[in-house]
Amino acid sequence: MAALTLAGLLNGVPPVGAVSATAGPATAGPAGSQGPVVALRGRSSLVLSHPEHAAAAAGLIHEVDDAVTAVTAAWGTDWAQSVVVVIPGSQQEMSALIGDGLVLDRIAAVATAASSQAGQRVVVNPDNLDELGPEVRRVVIRHEIAHLAARGVTSPDTPAWLVEGFADYVGYLDSGIPIRSAAGDLARAVQRDDMPGDLPDAASFHGSSPRLGQAYQEGWLACLLIAERVGPAGLLRFYRVAAAGPLALEAALEDVLGTTYRQFVEDWRAYVVQQLG
């Protein structure tokens, strides 16, 4: 029986496959994280939880394994292709584990990787997990794992709309969810003739932002537009070029799409109206 804590594991997660289904007695850990931990191993996943969430953890294993396969098909093989998913016991424990001071009430999950040694992981918000239907949970898991796959080329200068829009693109890929259903906030803005004049900035994606949901939808439709113009491979190339640094977005727009930022914004606004108007 292994004595593990979620915080302890996040300080040094073993590789996927190194821990099989185990449970240990309560042990104190940093950041107030303590209690027995159940570790369940999948094909390319390790799902960690406290016993009260063991059933939810077991239900996630196949979803995470399938998501790793789907993300690899969309992104390529140049990433770990294995994921640790953590289900904390509460939002308080989640906040202690990720340490980013995020407003968690409206966040379903967070992708985080402190270092290459610590591994790739997704921390699920336990308060919101039960509220997600299977289709939405599938999108959320694939979205977060797409972040992990792209992390190796993503920089602090990569536009937030592209980072989140690409992850949503992968998350919704082949989901069968109609654009209008998934982009309800943006659709209502279009109907009010209240389309934004620019792509969303980083502040729009903060958990406390009043337009958080709409910002995600705006980024997603921007990536849908790129994929419609140059195909999935072109979108992937656009991301890799645009992620490189502060001047890389203009280079990606010119090299991949043959356009300027201002023209792309105008095209995106027209595309949003076309899809949701």
Protein backbone atom coordinates (compact mmCIF):
# COMPACT_ATOMS: atom_id res chain seq x y z
CA MET A 1 0.00 0.00 0.00
CA ALA A 2 1.52 3.30 -1.09
CA ALA A 3 1.13 6.37 1.10
CA LEU A 4 0.64 9.22 -1.36
CA THR A 5 -0.67 12.78 -1.23
CA LEU A 6 -1.89 14.78 -4.19
CA ALA A 7 0.45 17.65 -3.36
CA GLY A 8 3.31 15.23 -2.89
CA LEU A 9 2.63 13.64 -6.24
CA LEU A 10 2.47 17.03 -7.94
CA ASN A 11 5.89 17.82 -6.51
CA GLY A 12 7.26 14.78 -8.33
CA VAL A 13 4.76 12.79 -10.36
CA PRO A 14 6.03 9.37 -11.36
CA PRO A 15 5.85 8.52 -15.07
CA VAL A 16 2.57 7.14 -16.32
CA GLY A 17 2.75 3.41 -15.77
CA ALA A 18 4.93 3.67 -12.66
CA VAL A 19 1.94 3.52 -10.32
CA SER A 20 -0.86 1.00 -10.62
CA ALA A 21 -4.17 1.04 -8.75
CA THR A 22 -3.15 1.75 -5.17
CA ALA A 23 -4.51 3.42 -2.09
CA GLY A 24 -2.70 4.57 1.02
CA PRO A 25 -3.47 5.85 4.47
CA ALA A 26 -3.83 9.55 5.21
CA THR A 27 -0.48 11.32 5.16
CA ALA A 28 0.25 14.99 5.58
CA GLY A 29 1.43 16.88 2.52
CA PRO A 30 2.38 20.43 1.65
CA ALA A 31 -0.25 23.10 0.98
CA GLY A 32 -2.72 21.34 3.25
CA SER A 33 -3.23 18.39 0.93
CA GLN A 34 -3.67 15.14 2.81
CA GLY A 35 -5.69 11.98 2.86
CA PRO A 36 -5.58 8.66 1.06
CA VAL A 37 -5.05 8.73 -2.69
CA VAL A 38 -6.35 6.24 -5.24
CA ALA A 39 -4.17 5.93 -8.36
CA LEU A 40 -5.69 4.28 -11.41
CA ARG A 41 -3.63 3.57 -14.52
CA GLY A 42 -4.87 3.58 -18.10
CA ARG A 43 -3.17 2.94 -21.43
CA SER A 44 -1.60 6.41 -21.51
CA SER A 45 -3.02 7.96 -18.36
CA LEU A 46 -2.74 8.00 -14.60
CA VAL A 47 -5.83 9.30 -12.76
CA LEU A 48 -5.33 10.33 -9.13
CA SER A 49 -8.10 11.07 -6.65
CA HIS A 50 -9.20 10.71 -3.07
CA PRO A 51 -11.46 7.71 -2.38
CA GLU A 52 -14.66 9.78 -2.51
CA HIS A 53 -13.92 10.51 -6.17
CA ALA A 54 -12.67 7.02 -7.08
CA ALA A 55 -15.76 6.23 -9.17
CA ALA A 56 -15.36 9.45 -11.14
CA ALA A 57 -11.68 8.68 -11.61
CA ALA A 58 -12.47 5.23 -12.96
CA GLY A 59 -14.93 6.79 -15.38
CA LEU A 60 -12.29 9.18 -16.71
CA ILE A 61 -9.60 6.65 -17.58
CA HIS A 62 -10.92 5.64 -21.00
CA GLU A 63 -11.89 9.23 -21.81
CA VAL A 64 -8.37 10.42 -21.08
CA ASP A 65 -6.79 7.58 -23.06
CA ASP A 66 -9.03 8.36 -26.03
CA ALA A 67 -8.23 12.06 -25.66
CA VAL A 68 -4.48 11.41 -25.77
CA THR A 69 -4.98 9.52 -29.04
CA ALA A 70 -7.18 12.28 -30.50
CA VAL A 71 -4.82 15.07 -29.49
CA THR A 72 -1.84 13.21 -30.93
CA ALA A 73 -3.72 12.83 -34.21
CA ALA A 74 -4.37 16.58 -34.28
CA TRP A 75 -1.03 17.84 -32.98
CA GLY A 76 1.54 15.18 -33.85
CA THR A 77 3.80 12.89 -31.85
CA ASP A 78 6.26 15.49 -30.53
CA TRP A 79 4.92 15.50 -26.99
CA ALA A 80 4.81 13.10 -24.03
CA GLN A 81 1.62 11.32 -25.21
CA SER A 82 0.85 10.44 -21.60
CA VAL A 83 -1.11 12.43 -19.04
CA VAL A 84 -1.69 12.52 -15.31
CA VAL A 85 -5.20 13.66 -14.32
CA VAL A 86 -5.76 14.80 -10.73
CA ILE A 87 -9.18 15.10 -9.06
CA PRO A 88 -8.68 17.09 -5.83
CA GLY A 89 -11.05 16.74 -2.92
CA SER A 90 -12.21 20.36 -3.11
CA GLN A 91 -11.67 23.67 -4.87
CA GLN A 92 -9.50 24.70 -1.93
CA GLU A 93 -7.21 21.75 -2.47
CA MET A 94 -7.23 22.42 -6.21
CA SER A 95 -6.14 26.00 -5.61
CA ALA A 96 -3.33 24.80 -3.35
CA LEU A 97 -2.19 22.27 -5.92
CA ILE A 98 -2.04 24.58 -8.95
CA GLY A 99 -0.94 27.66 -7.01
CA ASP A 100 -1.96 30.18 -9.67
CA GLY A 101 -4.55 32.16 -7.71
CA LEU A 102 -7.16 31.40 -10.36
CA VAL A 103 -10.85 32.08 -9.84
CA LEU A 104 -12.05 28.49 -10.09
CA ASP A 105 -15.85 28.77 -9.90
CA ARG A 106 -16.21 28.93 -13.70
CA ILE A 107 -13.26 26.70 -14.60
CA ALA A 108 -13.76 23.00 -15.31
CA ALA A 109 -10.11 21.94 -15.42
CA VAL A 110 -6.58 23.34 -15.68
CA ALA A 111 -3.58 21.98 -17.58
CA THR A 112 -0.34 22.44 -15.71
CA ALA A 113 3.25 21.27 -15.98
CA ALA A 114 5.79 22.70 -13.58
CA SER A 115 8.70 21.07 -15.38
CA SER A 116 9.50 18.34 -17.87
CA GLN A 117 10.58 16.12 -14.95
CA ALA A 118 7.28 16.64 -13.14
CA GLY A 119 5.30 15.48 -16.14
CA GLN A 120 2.11 16.50 -17.90
CA ARG A 121 -1.05 16.83 -15.87
CA VAL A 122 -4.63 18.04 -15.89
CA VAL A 123 -6.23 19.10 -12.59
CA VAL A 124 -10.01 18.74 -12.66
CA ASN A 125 -12.30 21.02 -10.67
CA PRO A 126 -14.24 18.59 -8.41
CA ASP A 127 -17.10 21.05 -7.84
CA ASN A 128 -17.79 21.26 -11.58
CA LEU A 129 -16.99 17.69 -12.62
CA ASP A 130 -20.43 16.27 -11.84
CA GLU A 131 -22.14 19.11 -13.71
CA LEU A 132 -20.46 18.23 -17.02
CA GLY A 133 -22.36 15.93 -19.33
CA PRO A 134 -20.33 13.31 -21.23
CA GLU A 135 -20.07 15.40 -24.43
CA VAL A 136 -18.86 18.52 -22.61
CA ARG A 137 -16.49 16.50 -20.40
CA ARG A 138 -14.97 15.01 -23.55
CA VAL A 139 -14.39 18.51 -24.97
CA VAL A 140 -12.88 19.76 -21.69
CA ILE A 141 -10.46 16.85 -21.34
CA ARG A 142 -9.28 17.12 -24.95
CA HIS A 143 -8.98 20.90 -24.65
CA GLU A 144 -6.70 20.63 -21.62
CA ILE A 145 -4.61 17.82 -23.09
CA ALA A 146 -4.18 19.89 -26.28
CA HIS A 147 -2.57 22.56 -24.08
CA LEU A 148 -0.12 19.97 -22.79
CA ALA A 149 0.73 18.78 -26.29
CA ALA A 150 1.35 22.34 -27.51
CA ARG A 151 3.22 23.49 -24.41
CA GLY A 152 6.64 22.73 -25.88
CA VAL A 153 6.26 25.40 -28.57
CA THR A 154 3.94 27.84 -26.74
CA SER A 155 5.58 30.94 -25.31
CA PRO A 156 4.32 33.73 -23.02
CA ASP A 157 4.02 35.85 -26.18
CA THR A 158 1.68 33.45 -27.95
CA PRO A 159 -1.70 35.24 -28.28
CA ALA A 160 -4.20 33.95 -25.73
CA TRP A 161 -6.93 33.74 -28.37
CA LEU A 162 -4.74 31.33 -30.34
CA VAL A 163 -3.70 29.25 -27.33
CA GLU A 164 -7.29 28.81 -26.12
CA GLY A 165 -8.87 28.79 -29.57
CA PHE A 166 -6.62 25.98 -30.79
CA ALA A 167 -7.32 23.94 -27.66
CA ASP A 168 -11.06 24.40 -28.23
CA TYR A 169 -10.59 23.48 -31.89
CA VAL A 170 -9.06 20.16 -30.83
CA GLY A 171 -11.63 19.72 -28.07
CA TYR A 172 -14.64 20.15 -30.35
CA LEU A 173 -13.13 18.27 -33.30
CA ASP A 174 -15.49 15.46 -34.35
CA SER A 175 -17.69 16.11 -31.31
CA GLY A 176 -20.84 16.64 -33.37
CA ILE A 177 -21.74 19.67 -31.25
CA PRO A 178 -23.10 22.44 -33.53
CA ILE A 179 -21.17 25.70 -33.57
CA ARG A 180 -24.25 27.68 -32.56
CA SER A 181 -24.80 25.45 -29.51
CA ALA A 182 -21.18 25.67 -28.40
CA ALA A 183 -20.86 29.41 -29.05
CA GLY A 184 -24.06 30.63 -27.42
CA ASP A 185 -22.54 33.70 -25.74
CA LEU A 186 -21.02 34.90 -29.00
CA ALA A 187 -24.21 34.13 -30.92
CA ARG A 188 -26.16 36.34 -28.54
CA ALA A 189 -23.61 39.12 -28.99
CA VAL A 190 -24.05 38.87 -32.76
CA GLN A 191 -27.82 39.06 -32.40
CA ARG A 192 -27.41 42.21 -30.27
CA ASP A 193 -25.16 43.66 -32.98
CA ASP A 194 -22.44 43.75 -30.32
CA MET A 195 -19.55 42.08 -32.12
CA PRO A 196 -16.15 42.95 -30.61
CA GLY A 197 -13.84 45.05 -32.73
CA ASP A 198 -10.78 42.90 -32.03
CA LEU A 199 -9.74 39.42 -31.02
CA PRO A 200 -9.82 38.82 -27.23
CA ASP A 201 -6.77 39.74 -25.17
CA ALA A 202 -5.24 37.74 -22.34
CA ALA A 203 -7.32 39.50 -19.67
CA SER A 204 -10.51 38.22 -21.31
CA PHE A 205 -9.48 34.65 -20.40
CA HIS A 206 -9.02 35.27 -16.68
CA GLY A 207 -11.46 33.37 -14.51
CA SER A 208 -12.96 36.62 -13.21
CA SER A 209 -13.57 38.08 -16.67
CA PRO A 210 -17.27 38.82 -17.33
CA ARG A 211 -16.77 37.76 -20.95
CA LEU A 212 -14.79 34.58 -20.26
CA GLY A 213 -17.11 32.23 -22.14
CA GLN A 214 -17.41 34.53 -25.13
CA ALA A 215 -13.64 34.98 -25.30
CA TYR A 216 -13.14 31.23 -25.65
CA GLN A 217 -15.74 31.13 -28.38
CA GLU A 218 -14.11 34.02 -30.23
CA GLY A 219 -10.74 32.28 -30.19
CA TRP A 220 -12.30 29.02 -31.31
CA LEU A 221 -14.02 30.59 -34.30
CA ALA A 222 -10.78 32.33 -35.26
CA CYS A 223 -9.10 28.92 -35.40
CA LEU A 224 -12.06 27.44 -37.29
CA LEU A 225 -11.64 30.20 -39.86
CA ILE A 226 -7.93 29.45 -40.23
CA ALA A 227 -8.62 25.72 -40.60
CA GLU A 228 -11.34 26.43 -43.16
CA ARG A 229 -8.88 28.45 -45.24
CA VAL A 230 -5.73 26.33 -45.02
CA GLY A 231 -6.89 23.03 -43.55
CA PRO A 232 -6.01 21.36 -40.24
CA ALA A 233 -2.36 21.05 -41.22
CA GLY A 234 -2.30 24.75 -42.07
CA LEU A 235 -3.80 25.64 -38.69
CA LEU A 236 -1.14 23.54 -36.98
CA ARG A 237 1.57 25.29 -38.99
CA PHE A 238 0.03 28.67 -38.14
CA TYR A 239 0.13 27.84 -34.42
CA ARG A 240 3.72 26.67 -34.51
CA VAL A 241 4.87 29.80 -36.38
CA ALA A 242 2.76 32.24 -34.34
CA ALA A 243 3.83 30.74 -31.01
CA ALA A 244 7.51 31.54 -31.50
CA GLY A 245 7.68 35.08 -30.11
CA PRO A 246 6.30 38.62 -29.95
CA LEU A 247 6.57 39.31 -33.69
CA ALA A 248 5.65 35.80 -34.80
CA LEU A 249 1.90 36.39 -35.22
CA GLU A 250 2.42 38.82 -38.07
CA ALA A 251 4.80 36.33 -39.69
CA ALA A 252 2.23 33.54 -39.38
CA LEU A 253 -0.52 35.69 -40.85
CA GLU A 254 1.64 36.61 -43.81
CA ASP A 255 3.34 33.26 -44.40
CA VAL A 256 0.40 30.93 -43.78
CA LEU A 257 -2.65 33.04 -44.63
CA GLY A 258 -1.18 35.73 -46.87
CA THR A 259 -2.89 38.50 -44.90
CA THR A 260 -2.37 41.17 -42.26
CA TYR A 261 -3.64 41.27 -38.68
CA ARG A 262 -6.20 43.98 -39.37
CA GLN A 263 -7.55 42.18 -42.43
CA PHE A 264 -7.71 38.91 -40.51
CA VAL A 265 -9.73 40.57 -37.75
CA GLU A 266 -12.19 41.92 -40.30
CA ASP A 267 -12.44 38.50 -41.96
CA TRP A 268 -12.95 36.87 -38.57
CA ARG A 269 -15.73 39.28 -37.65
CA ALA A 270 -17.50 38.55 -40.94
CA TYR A 271 -17.00 34.79 -40.40
CA VAL A 272 -18.54 34.98 -36.92
CA VAL A 273 -21.61 36.77 -38.31
CA GLN A 274 -21.84 34.22 -41.12
CA GLN A 275 -21.75 31.31 -38.70
CA LEU A 276 -23.91 32.75 -35.93
CA GLY A 277 -26.00 35.51 -37.45
